[in-house]
PDB file of N, CA and C in Angstrom:
ATOM      1  N   UNK A   1     -70.287  12.071  51.940  1.00  0.00           N
ATOM      2  CA  UNK A   1     -69.333  11.722  52.979  1.00  0.00           C
ATOM      3  C   UNK A   1     -68.292  10.824  52.343  1.00  0.00           C
ATOM      4  N   UNK A   2     -67.055  11.095  52.618  1.00  0.00           N
ATOM      5  CA  UNK A   2     -65.953  10.324  52.053  1.00  0.00           C
ATOM      6  C   UNK A   2     -65.096   9.763  53.183  1.00  0.00           C
ATOM      7  N   UNK A   3     -64.730   8.503  53.064  1.00  0.00           N
ATOM      8  CA  UNK A   3     -63.812   7.857  54.006  1.00  0.00           C
ATOM      9  C   UNK A   3     -62.805   7.047  53.217  1.00  0.00           C
ATOM     10  N   UNK A   4     -61.552   7.152  53.582  1.00  0.00           N
ATOM     11  CA  UNK A   4     -60.500   6.352  52.973  1.00  0.00           C
ATOM     12  C   UNK A   4     -60.227   5.155  53.874  1.00  0.00           C
ATOM     13  N   UNK A   5     -60.072   3.981  53.275  1.00  0.00           N
ATOM     14  CA  UNK A   5     -59.759   2.803  54.075  1.00  0.00           C
ATOM     15  C   UNK A   5     -59.170   1.710  53.203  1.00  0.00           C
ATOM     16  N   UNK A   6     -58.521   0.776  53.839  1.00  0.00           N
ATOM     17  CA  UNK A   6     -58.056  -0.426  53.151  1.00  0.00           C
ATOM     18  C   UNK A   6     -59.192  -1.443  53.193  1.00  0.00           C
ATOM     19  N   UNK A   7     -59.134  -2.480  52.356  1.00  0.00           N
ATOM     20  CA  UNK A   7     -60.202  -3.490  52.407  1.00  0.00           C
ATOM     21  C   UNK A   7     -60.344  -4.137  53.784  1.00  0.00           C
ATOM     22  N   UNK A   8     -59.244  -4.264  54.519  1.00  0.00           N
ATOM     23  CA  UNK A   8     -59.306  -4.876  55.855  1.00  0.00           C
ATOM     24  C   UNK A   8     -59.996  -3.970  56.868  1.00  0.00           C
ATOM     25  N   UNK A   9     -59.957  -2.676  56.640  1.00  0.00           N
ATOM     26  CA  UNK A   9     -60.547  -1.707  57.575  1.00  0.00           C
ATOM     27  C   UNK A   9     -61.889  -1.174  57.085  1.00  0.00           C
ATOM     28  N   UNK A  10     -62.469  -1.813  56.088  1.00  0.00           N
ATOM     29  CA  UNK A  10     -63.694  -1.301  55.482  1.00  0.00           C
ATOM     30  C   UNK A  10     -64.865  -1.285  56.463  1.00  0.00           C
ATOM     31  N   UNK A  11     -64.986  -2.303  57.295  1.00  0.00           N
ATOM     32  CA  UNK A  11     -66.073  -2.332  58.281  1.00  0.00           C
ATOM     33  C   UNK A  11     -65.969  -1.161  59.260  1.00  0.00           C
ATOM     34  N   UNK A  12     -64.737  -0.826  59.668  1.00  0.00           N
ATOM     35  CA  UNK A  12     -64.544   0.323  60.566  1.00  0.00           C
ATOM     36  C   UNK A  12     -64.910   1.628  59.873  1.00  0.00           C
ATOM     37  N   UNK A  13     -64.562   1.738  58.592  1.00  0.00           N
ATOM     38  CA  UNK A  13     -64.898   2.952  57.839  1.00  0.00           C
ATOM     39  C   UNK A  13     -66.412   3.103  57.705  1.00  0.00           C
ATOM     40  N   UNK A  14     -67.106   2.002  57.479  1.00  0.00           N
ATOM     41  CA  UNK A  14     -68.570   2.052  57.371  1.00  0.00           C
ATOM     42  C   UNK A  14     -69.177   2.454  58.711  1.00  0.00           C
ATOM     43  N   UNK A  15     -68.622   1.959  59.798  1.00  0.00           N
ATOM     44  CA  UNK A  15     -69.111   2.339  61.130  1.00  0.00           C
ATOM     45  C   UNK A  15     -68.923   3.835  61.371  1.00  0.00           C
ATOM     46  N   UNK A  16     -67.785   4.389  60.921  1.00  0.00           N
ATOM     47  CA  UNK A  16     -67.543   5.826  61.077  1.00  0.00           C
ATOM     48  C   UNK A  16     -68.498   6.641  60.206  1.00  0.00           C
ATOM     49  N   UNK A  17     -68.791   6.142  59.002  1.00  0.00           N
ATOM     50  CA  UNK A  17     -69.752   6.821  58.130  1.00  0.00           C
ATOM     51  C   UNK A  17     -71.126   6.824  58.796  1.00  0.00           C
ATOM     52  N   UNK A  18     -71.500   5.707  59.402  1.00  0.00           N
ATOM     53  CA  UNK A  18     -72.778   5.650  60.111  1.00  0.00           C
ATOM     54  C   UNK A  18     -72.819   6.637  61.268  1.00  0.00           C
ATOM     55  N   UNK A  19     -71.709   6.810  61.970  1.00  0.00           N
ATOM     56  CA  UNK A  19     -71.650   7.814  63.046  1.00  0.00           C
ATOM     57  C   UNK A  19     -71.788   9.225  62.471  1.00  0.00           C
ATOM     58  N   UNK A  20     -71.123   9.479  61.334  1.00  0.00           N
ATOM     59  CA  UNK A  20     -71.254  10.788  60.679  1.00  0.00           C
ATOM     60  C   UNK A  20     -72.698  11.041  60.250  1.00  0.00           C
ATOM     61  N   UNK A  21     -73.344  10.013  59.720  1.00  0.00           N
ATOM     62  CA  UNK A  21     -74.738  10.165  59.304  1.00  0.00           C
ATOM     63  C   UNK A  21     -75.658  10.423  60.488  1.00  0.00           C
ATOM     64  N   UNK A  22     -75.358   9.816  61.631  1.00  0.00           N
ATOM     65  CA  UNK A  22     -76.156  10.076  62.837  1.00  0.00           C
ATOM     66  C   UNK A  22     -75.996  11.536  63.272  1.00  0.00           C
ATOM     67  N   UNK A  23     -74.779  12.069  63.170  1.00  0.00           N
ATOM     68  CA  UNK A  23     -74.553  13.485  63.501  1.00  0.00           C
ATOM     69  C   UNK A  23     -75.289  14.397  62.523  1.00  0.00           C
ATOM     70  N   UNK A  24     -75.277  14.022  61.249  1.00  0.00           N
ATOM     71  CA  UNK A  24     -76.008  14.810  60.246  1.00  0.00           C
ATOM     72  C   UNK A  24     -77.500  14.775  60.531  1.00  0.00           C
ATOM     73  N   UNK A  25     -78.010  13.610  60.923  1.00  0.00           N
ATOM     74  CA  UNK A  25     -79.436  13.473  61.264  1.00  0.00           C
ATOM     75  C   UNK A  25     -79.793  14.397  62.420  1.00  0.00           C
ATOM     76  N   UNK A  26     -78.970  14.386  63.461  1.00  0.00           N
ATOM     77  CA  UNK A  26     -79.225  15.256  64.617  1.00  0.00           C
ATOM     78  C   UNK A  26     -79.185  16.733  64.220  1.00  0.00           C
ATOM     79  N   UNK A  27     -78.203  17.108  63.397  1.00  0.00           N
ATOM     80  CA  UNK A  27     -78.084  18.487  62.950  1.00  0.00           C
ATOM     81  C   UNK A  27     -79.296  18.883  62.103  1.00  0.00           C
ATOM     82  N   UNK A  28     -79.694  18.003  61.167  1.00  0.00           N
ATOM     83  CA  UNK A  28     -80.838  18.303  60.297  1.00  0.00           C
ATOM     84  C   UNK A  28     -82.117  18.436  61.117  1.00  0.00           C
ATOM     85  N   UNK A  29     -82.295  17.561  62.106  1.00  0.00           N
ATOM     86  CA  UNK A  29     -83.483  17.636  62.960  1.00  0.00           C
ATOM     87  C   UNK A  29     -83.512  18.934  63.763  1.00  0.00           C
ATOM     88  N   UNK A  30     -82.346  19.382  64.224  1.00  0.00           N
ATOM     89  CA  UNK A  30     -82.318  20.596  65.042  1.00  0.00           C
ATOM     90  C   UNK A  30     -82.676  21.836  64.227  1.00  0.00           C
ATOM     91  N   UNK A  31     -82.476  21.787  62.908  1.00  0.00           N
ATOM     92  CA  UNK A  31     -82.813  22.920  62.053  1.00  0.00           C
ATOM     93  C   UNK A  31     -84.070  22.681  61.225  1.00  0.00           C
ATOM     94  N   UNK A  32     -84.772  21.576  61.500  1.00  0.00           N
ATOM     95  CA  UNK A  32     -86.025  21.293  60.810  1.00  0.00           C
ATOM     96  C   UNK A  32     -85.860  20.898  59.350  1.00  0.00           C
ATOM     97  N   UNK A  33     -84.714  20.338  58.996  1.00  0.00           N
ATOM     98  CA  UNK A  33     -84.464  19.917  57.625  1.00  0.00           C
ATOM     99  C   UNK A  33     -84.756  18.436  57.458  1.00  0.00           C
ATOM    100  N   UNK A  34     -85.207  18.062  56.286  1.00  0.00           N
ATOM    101  CA  UNK A  34     -85.466  16.660  55.984  1.00  0.00           C
ATOM    102  C   UNK A  34     -84.440  16.159  54.981  1.00  0.00           C
ATOM    103  N   UNK A  35     -83.900  14.990  55.235  1.00  0.00           N
ATOM    104  CA  UNK A  35     -82.966  14.331  54.320  1.00  0.00           C
ATOM    105  C   UNK A  35     -83.642  13.062  53.854  1.00  0.00           C
ATOM    106  N   UNK A  36     -83.651  12.831  52.547  1.00  0.00           N
ATOM    107  CA  UNK A  36     -84.288  11.646  51.982  1.00  0.00           C
ATOM    108  C   UNK A  36     -83.220  10.586  51.710  1.00  0.00           C
ATOM    109  N   UNK A  37     -83.070   9.585  52.588  1.00  0.00           N
ATOM    110  CA  UNK A  37     -82.017   8.586  52.395  1.00  0.00           C
ATOM    111  C   UNK A  37     -82.260   7.673  51.195  1.00  0.00           C
ATOM    112  N   UNK A  38     -83.498   7.622  50.679  1.00  0.00           N
ATOM    113  CA  UNK A  38     -83.752   6.766  49.517  1.00  0.00           C
ATOM    114  C   UNK A  38     -83.114   7.341  48.257  1.00  0.00           C
ATOM    115  N   UNK A  39     -82.740   8.612  48.281  1.00  0.00           N
ATOM    116  CA  UNK A  39     -82.066   9.224  47.144  1.00  0.00           C
ATOM    117  C   UNK A  39     -80.551   9.161  47.274  1.00  0.00           C
ATOM    118  N   UNK A  40     -80.060   8.553  48.334  1.00  0.00           N
ATOM    119  CA  UNK A  40     -78.625   8.449  48.571  1.00  0.00           C
ATOM    120  C   UNK A  40     -78.128   7.070  48.145  1.00  0.00           C
ATOM    121  N   UNK A  41     -76.866   7.000  47.774  1.00  0.00           N
ATOM    122  CA  UNK A  41     -76.233   5.757  47.354  1.00  0.00           C
ATOM    123  C   UNK A  41     -74.856   5.658  47.985  1.00  0.00           C
ATOM    124  N   UNK A  42     -74.375   4.431  48.134  1.00  0.00           N
ATOM    125  CA  UNK A  42     -73.026   4.186  48.632  1.00  0.00           C
ATOM    126  C   UNK A  42     -72.203   3.656  47.467  1.00  0.00           C
ATOM    127  N   UNK A  43     -71.117   4.343  47.165  1.00  0.00           N
ATOM    128  CA  UNK A  43     -70.222   3.956  46.083  1.00  0.00           C
ATOM    129  C   UNK A  43     -68.848   3.695  46.683  1.00  0.00           C
ATOM    130  N   UNK A  44     -68.394   2.453  46.605  1.00  0.00           N
ATOM    131  CA  UNK A  44     -67.060   2.099  47.087  1.00  0.00           C
ATOM    132  C   UNK A  44     -66.131   2.176  45.889  1.00  0.00           C
ATOM    133  N   UNK A  45     -65.195   3.116  45.940  1.00  0.00           N
ATOM    134  CA  UNK A  45     -64.270   3.337  44.833  1.00  0.00           C
ATOM    135  C   UNK A  45     -62.996   2.560  45.116  1.00  0.00           C
ATOM    136  N   UNK A  46     -62.633   1.712  44.165  1.00  0.00           N
ATOM    137  CA  UNK A  46     -61.456   0.873  44.332  1.00  0.00           C
ATOM    138  C   UNK A  46     -60.959   0.408  42.976  1.00  0.00           C
ATOM    139  N   UNK A  47     -59.884  -0.351  42.994  1.00  0.00           N
ATOM    140  CA  UNK A  47     -59.371  -0.929  41.756  1.00  0.00           C
ATOM    141  C   UNK A  47     -60.024  -2.294  41.539  1.00  0.00           C
ATOM    142  N   UNK A  48     -59.868  -2.816  40.359  1.00  0.00           N
ATOM    143  CA  UNK A  48     -60.456  -4.128  40.066  1.00  0.00           C
ATOM    144  C   UNK A  48     -59.831  -5.215  40.935  1.00  0.00           C
ATOM    145  N   UNK A  49     -58.538  -5.077  41.232  1.00  0.00           N
ATOM    146  CA  UNK A  49     -57.869  -6.071  42.067  1.00  0.00           C
ATOM    147  C   UNK A  49     -58.424  -6.063  43.490  1.00  0.00           C
ATOM    148  N   UNK A  50     -58.650  -4.879  44.038  1.00  0.00           N
ATOM    149  CA  UNK A  50     -59.180  -4.783  45.403  1.00  0.00           C
ATOM    150  C   UNK A  50     -60.645  -5.201  45.463  1.00  0.00           C
ATOM    151  N   UNK A  51     -61.411  -4.942  44.401  1.00  0.00           N
ATOM    152  CA  UNK A  51     -62.830  -5.290  44.390  1.00  0.00           C
ATOM    153  C   UNK A  51     -63.019  -6.791  44.576  1.00  0.00           C
ATOM    154  N   UNK A  52     -62.102  -7.585  44.068  1.00  0.00           N
ATOM    155  CA  UNK A  52     -62.181  -9.031  44.239  1.00  0.00           C
ATOM    156  C   UNK A  52     -61.958  -9.470  45.679  1.00  0.00           C
ATOM    157  N   UNK A  53     -61.313  -8.629  46.478  1.00  0.00           N
ATOM    158  CA  UNK A  53     -61.049  -8.966  47.880  1.00  0.00           C
ATOM    159  C   UNK A  53     -62.168  -8.540  48.818  1.00  0.00           C
ATOM    160  N   UNK A  54     -63.145  -7.798  48.306  1.00  0.00           N
ATOM    161  CA  UNK A  54     -64.240  -7.308  49.146  1.00  0.00           C
ATOM    162  C   UNK A  54     -65.456  -8.202  48.966  1.00  0.00           C
ATOM    163  N   UNK A  55     -65.973  -8.708  50.068  1.00  0.00           N
ATOM    164  CA  UNK A  55     -67.192  -9.506  50.031  1.00  0.00           C
ATOM    165  C   UNK A  55     -68.354  -8.583  50.401  1.00  0.00           C
ATOM    166  N   UNK A  56     -69.097  -8.141  49.383  1.00  0.00           N
ATOM    167  CA  UNK A  56     -70.158  -7.169  49.607  1.00  0.00           C
ATOM    168  C   UNK A  56     -71.328  -7.751  50.394  1.00  0.00           C
ATOM    169  N   UNK A  57     -71.480  -9.068  50.379  1.00  0.00           N
ATOM    170  CA  UNK A  57     -72.569  -9.690  51.134  1.00  0.00           C
ATOM    171  C   UNK A  57     -72.330  -9.587  52.638  1.00  0.00           C
ATOM    172  N   UNK A  58     -71.069  -9.523  53.051  1.00  0.00           N
ATOM    173  CA  UNK A  58     -70.740  -9.459  54.473  1.00  0.00           C
ATOM    174  C   UNK A  58     -70.579  -8.038  55.008  1.00  0.00           C
ATOM    175  N   UNK A  59     -70.655  -7.045  54.126  1.00  0.00           N
ATOM    176  CA  UNK A  59     -70.484  -5.670  54.585  1.00  0.00           C
ATOM    177  C   UNK A  59     -71.697  -5.205  55.379  1.00  0.00           C
ATOM    178  N   UNK A  60     -71.459  -4.453  56.449  1.00  0.00           N
ATOM    179  CA  UNK A  60     -72.603  -3.880  57.176  1.00  0.00           C
ATOM    180  C   UNK A  60     -73.266  -2.796  56.323  1.00  0.00           C
ATOM    181  N   UNK A  61     -74.517  -2.522  56.612  1.00  0.00           N
ATOM    182  CA  UNK A  61     -75.243  -1.499  55.874  1.00  0.00           C
ATOM    183  C   UNK A  61     -74.801  -0.114  56.313  1.00  0.00           C
ATOM    184  N   UNK A  62     -74.827   0.808  55.376  1.00  0.00           N
ATOM    185  CA  UNK A  62     -74.726   2.222  55.712  1.00  0.00           C
ATOM    186  C   UNK A  62     -76.156   2.657  55.980  1.00  0.00           C
ATOM    187  N   UNK A  63     -76.388   3.272  57.141  1.00  0.00           N
ATOM    188  CA  UNK A  63     -77.753   3.530  57.601  1.00  0.00           C
ATOM    189  C   UNK A  63     -77.939   5.006  57.923  1.00  0.00           C
ATOM    190  N   UNK A  64     -79.069   5.544  57.475  1.00  0.00           N
ATOM    191  CA  UNK A  64     -79.469   6.900  57.858  1.00  0.00           C
ATOM    192  C   UNK A  64     -80.875   6.825  58.433  1.00  0.00           C
ATOM    193  N   UNK A  65     -81.024   7.225  59.658  1.00  0.00           N
ATOM    194  CA  UNK A  65     -82.323   7.235  60.336  1.00  0.00           C
ATOM    195  C   UNK A  65     -83.001   5.860  60.287  1.00  0.00           C
ATOM    196  N   UNK A  66     -82.203   4.811  60.457  1.00  0.00           N
ATOM    197  CA  UNK A  66     -82.738   3.452  60.484  1.00  0.00           C
ATOM    198  C   UNK A  66     -83.005   2.846  59.120  1.00  0.00           C
ATOM    199  N   UNK A  67     -82.794   3.606  58.042  1.00  0.00           N
ATOM    200  CA  UNK A  67     -83.019   3.100  56.692  1.00  0.00           C
ATOM    201  C   UNK A  67     -81.687   2.787  56.017  1.00  0.00           C
ATOM    202  N   UNK A  68     -81.530   1.573  55.488  1.00  0.00           N
ATOM    203  CA  UNK A  68     -80.261   1.242  54.827  1.00  0.00           C
ATOM    204  C   UNK A  68     -80.131   1.966  53.492  1.00  0.00           C
ATOM    205  N   UNK A  69     -78.917   2.366  53.183  1.00  0.00           N
ATOM    206  CA  UNK A  69     -78.608   3.013  51.908  1.00  0.00           C
ATOM    207  C   UNK A  69     -77.943   1.965  51.030  1.00  0.00           C
ATOM    208  N   UNK A  70     -78.394   1.854  49.795  1.00  0.00           N
ATOM    209  CA  UNK A  70     -77.936   0.767  48.927  1.00  0.00           C
ATOM    210  C   UNK A  70     -76.541   1.022  48.362  1.00  0.00           C
ATOM    211  N   UNK A  71     -75.802  -0.079  48.175  1.00  0.00           N
ATOM    212  CA  UNK A  71     -74.501  -0.053  47.523  1.00  0.00           C
ATOM    213  C   UNK A  71     -74.729  -0.097  46.012  1.00  0.00           C
ATOM    214  N   UNK A  72     -73.978   0.707  45.262  1.00  0.00           N
ATOM    215  CA  UNK A  72     -74.095   0.728  43.811  1.00  0.00           C
ATOM    216  C   UNK A  72     -72.699   0.654  43.183  1.00  0.00           C
ATOM    217  N   UNK A  73     -72.661   0.241  41.908  1.00  0.00           N
ATOM    218  CA  UNK A  73     -71.400   0.221  41.167  1.00  0.00           C
ATOM    219  C   UNK A  73     -71.173   1.518  40.410  1.00  0.00           C
ATOM    220  N   UNK A  74     -72.268   2.231  40.118  1.00  0.00           N
ATOM    221  CA  UNK A  74     -72.148   3.534  39.459  1.00  0.00           C
ATOM    222  C   UNK A  74     -73.332   4.398  39.856  1.00  0.00           C
ATOM    223  N   UNK A  75     -73.126   5.703  39.766  1.00  0.00           N
ATOM    224  CA  UNK A  75     -74.177   6.648  40.089  1.00  0.00           C
ATOM    225  C   UNK A  75     -74.014   7.884  39.221  1.00  0.00           C
ATOM    226  N   UNK A  76     -75.096   8.591  39.017  1.00  0.00           N
ATOM    227  CA  UNK A  76     -75.063   9.784  38.179  1.00  0.00           C
ATOM    228  C   UNK A  76     -75.421  11.000  39.027  1.00  0.00           C
ATOM    229  N   UNK A  77     -74.529  11.979  39.043  1.00  0.00           N
ATOM    230  CA  UNK A  77     -74.739  13.224  39.780  1.00  0.00           C
ATOM    231  C   UNK A  77     -74.351  14.392  38.896  1.00  0.00           C
ATOM    232  N   UNK A  78     -75.256  15.343  38.766  1.00  0.00           N
ATOM    233  CA  UNK A  78     -75.023  16.559  37.986  1.00  0.00           C
ATOM    234  C   UNK A  78     -74.563  16.240  36.566  1.00  0.00           C
ATOM    235  N   UNK A  79     -75.109  15.178  35.980  1.00  0.00           N
ATOM    236  CA  UNK A  79     -74.802  14.815  34.607  1.00  0.00           C
ATOM    237  C   UNK A  79     -73.536  14.008  34.432  1.00  0.00           C
ATOM    238  N   UNK A  80     -72.807  13.753  35.496  1.00  0.00           N
ATOM    239  CA  UNK A  80     -71.570  12.986  35.419  1.00  0.00           C
ATOM    240  C   UNK A  80     -71.798  11.608  36.018  1.00  0.00           C
ATOM    241  N   UNK A  81     -71.477  10.574  35.267  1.00  0.00           N
ATOM    242  CA  UNK A  81     -71.629   9.208  35.754  1.00  0.00           C
ATOM    243  C   UNK A  81     -70.310   8.760  36.371  1.00  0.00           C
ATOM    244  N   UNK A  82     -70.344   8.469  37.656  1.00  0.00           N
ATOM    245  CA  UNK A  82     -69.173   7.963  38.373  1.00  0.00           C
ATOM    246  C   UNK A  82     -69.330   6.472  38.579  1.00  0.00           C
ATOM    247  N   UNK A  83     -68.261   5.723  38.330  1.00  0.00           N
ATOM    248  CA  UNK A  83     -68.318   4.291  38.606  1.00  0.00           C
ATOM    249  C   UNK A  83     -67.291   3.933  39.673  1.00  0.00           C
ATOM    250  N   UNK A  84     -67.311   2.689  40.104  1.00  0.00           N
ATOM    251  CA  UNK A  84     -66.496   2.258  41.238  1.00  0.00           C
ATOM    252  C   UNK A  84     -65.002   2.254  40.935  1.00  0.00           C
ATOM    253  N   UNK A  85     -64.613   2.347  39.661  1.00  0.00           N
ATOM    254  CA  UNK A  85     -63.200   2.384  39.294  1.00  0.00           C
ATOM    255  C   UNK A  85     -62.727   3.771  38.896  1.00  0.00           C
ATOM    256  N   UNK A  86     -63.620   4.744  38.935  1.00  0.00           N
ATOM    257  CA  UNK A  86     -63.352   6.108  38.482  1.00  0.00           C
ATOM    258  C   UNK A  86     -62.852   6.132  37.042  1.00  0.00           C
ATOM    259  N   UNK A  87     -63.401   5.245  36.227  1.00  0.00           N
ATOM    260  CA  UNK A  87     -63.080   5.256  34.802  1.00  0.00           C
ATOM    261  C   UNK A  87     -64.148   6.066  34.081  1.00  0.00           C
ATOM    262  N   UNK A  88     -63.863   6.455  32.870  1.00  0.00           N
ATOM    263  CA  UNK A  88     -64.788   7.258  32.085  1.00  0.00           C
ATOM    264  C   UNK A  88     -65.736   6.401  31.261  1.00  0.00           C
ATOM    265  N   UNK A  89     -65.579   5.088  31.268  1.00  0.00           N
ATOM    266  CA  UNK A  89     -66.356   4.229  30.368  1.00  0.00           C
ATOM    267  C   UNK A  89     -67.859   4.332  30.608  1.00  0.00           C
ATOM    268  N   UNK A  90     -68.314   4.345  31.833  1.00  0.00           N
ATOM    269  CA  UNK A  90     -69.753   4.436  32.113  1.00  0.00           C
ATOM    270  C   UNK A  90     -70.301   5.789  31.658  1.00  0.00           C
ATOM    271  N   UNK A  91     -69.551   6.851  31.884  1.00  0.00           N
ATOM    272  CA  UNK A  91     -69.988   8.187  31.474  1.00  0.00           C
ATOM    273  C   UNK A  91     -70.049   8.286  29.946  1.00  0.00           C
ATOM    274  N   UNK A  92     -69.032   7.762  29.271  1.00  0.00           N
ATOM    275  CA  UNK A  92     -68.998   7.794  27.810  1.00  0.00           C
ATOM    276  C   UNK A  92     -70.138   6.956  27.229  1.00  0.00           C
ATOM    277  N   UNK A  93     -70.426   5.798  27.830  1.00  0.00           N
ATOM    278  CA  UNK A  93     -71.545   4.981  27.360  1.00  0.00           C
ATOM    279  C   UNK A  93     -72.875   5.716  27.501  1.00  0.00           C
ATOM    280  N   UNK A  94     -73.072   6.407  28.603  1.00  0.00           N
ATOM    281  CA  UNK A  94     -74.309   7.174  28.802  1.00  0.00           C
ATOM    282  C   UNK A  94     -74.439   8.295  27.777  1.00  0.00           C
ATOM    283  N   UNK A  95     -73.349   8.996  27.518  1.00  0.00           N
ATOM    284  CA  UNK A  95     -73.377  10.073  26.528  1.00  0.00           C
ATOM    285  C   UNK A  95     -73.630   9.499  25.131  1.00  0.00           C
ATOM    286  N   UNK A  96     -73.001   8.371  24.815  1.00  0.00           N
ATOM    287  CA  UNK A  96     -73.192   7.746  23.503  1.00  0.00           C
ATOM    288  C   UNK A  96     -74.644   7.346  23.289  1.00  0.00           C
ATOM    289  N   UNK A  97     -75.262   6.767  24.305  1.00  0.00           N
ATOM    290  CA  UNK A  97     -76.674   6.386  24.200  1.00  0.00           C
ATOM    291  C   UNK A  97     -77.554   7.610  23.989  1.00  0.00           C
ATOM    292  N   UNK A  98     -77.273   8.675  24.726  1.00  0.00           N
ATOM    293  CA  UNK A  98     -78.055   9.895  24.601  1.00  0.00           C
ATOM    294  C   UNK A  98     -77.902  10.491  23.198  1.00  0.00           C
ATOM    295  N   UNK A  99     -76.683  10.511  22.696  1.00  0.00           N
ATOM    296  CA  UNK A  99     -76.448  11.035  21.348  1.00  0.00           C
ATOM    297  C   UNK A  99     -77.114  10.169  20.290  1.00  0.00           C
ATOM    298  N   UNK A 100     -77.060   8.864  20.477  1.00  0.00           N
ATOM    299  CA  UNK A 100     -77.689   7.958  19.517  1.00  0.00           C
ATOM    300  C   UNK A 100     -79.188   8.237  19.421  1.00  0.00           C
ATOM    301  N   UNK A 101     -79.837   8.398  20.556  1.00  0.00           N
ATOM    302  CA  UNK A 101     -81.274   8.685  20.559  1.00  0.00           C
ATOM    303  C   UNK A 101     -81.571  10.042  19.931  1.00  0.00           C
ATOM    304  N   UNK A 102     -80.721  11.026  20.199  1.00  0.00           N
ATOM    305  CA  UNK A 102     -80.924  12.359  19.619  1.00  0.00           C
ATOM    306  C   UNK A 102     -80.748  12.329  18.113  1.00  0.00           C
ATOM    307  N   UNK A 103     -79.721  11.661  17.641  1.00  0.00           N
ATOM    308  CA  UNK A 103     -79.480  11.573  16.195  1.00  0.00           C
ATOM    309  C   UNK A 103     -80.593  10.788  15.519  1.00  0.00           C
ATOM    310  N   UNK A 104     -81.056   9.733  16.170  1.00  0.00           N
ATOM    311  CA  UNK A 104     -82.144   8.935  15.597  1.00  0.00           C
ATOM    312  C   UNK A 104     -83.421   9.770  15.482  1.00  0.00           C
ATOM    313  N   UNK A 105     -83.700  10.617  16.469  1.00  0.00           N
ATOM    314  CA  UNK A 105     -84.902  11.454  16.384  1.00  0.00           C
ATOM    315  C   UNK A 105     -84.761  12.514  15.295  1.00  0.00           C
ATOM    316  N   UNK A 106     -83.549  13.011  15.077  1.00  0.00           N
ATOM    317  CA  UNK A 106     -83.318  13.976  13.994  1.00  0.00           C
ATOM    318  C   UNK A 106     -83.484  13.308  12.615  1.00  0.00           C
ATOM    319  N   UNK A 107     -83.129  12.046  12.554  1.00  0.00           N
ATOM    320  CA  UNK A 107     -83.231  11.292  11.298  1.00  0.00           C
ATOM    321  C   UNK A 107     -84.695  11.212  10.839  1.00  0.00           C
ATOM    322  N   UNK A 108     -85.601  11.064  11.825  1.00  0.00           N
ATOM    323  CA  UNK A 108     -87.030  10.996  11.482  1.00  0.00           C
ATOM    324  C   UNK A 108     -87.494  12.339  11.008  1.00  0.00           C
TER     325      UNK A 108
END
């Protein structure tokens, strides 16, 4: 689920996401599907300047079926690491670590 908002409207955007998640819950229940909210993450994408204006301690939780979904700075999906600034540094670091381990095992 994606929502665009300014830092001042972030609480409203989170409330709308929670409403969307409630609709998804109702839809999933009507078709007998299970959604595991512990595998979900909330990633707020912004610039470094805007990140300083957001107080994450005061943000309301994003909730699915009464379970809070955790806020993260980066997440990995389908082999691609996304971070809160949409920079490639986290993805490149992950690939570098993986290559280092592979090369080290070949060395042995």
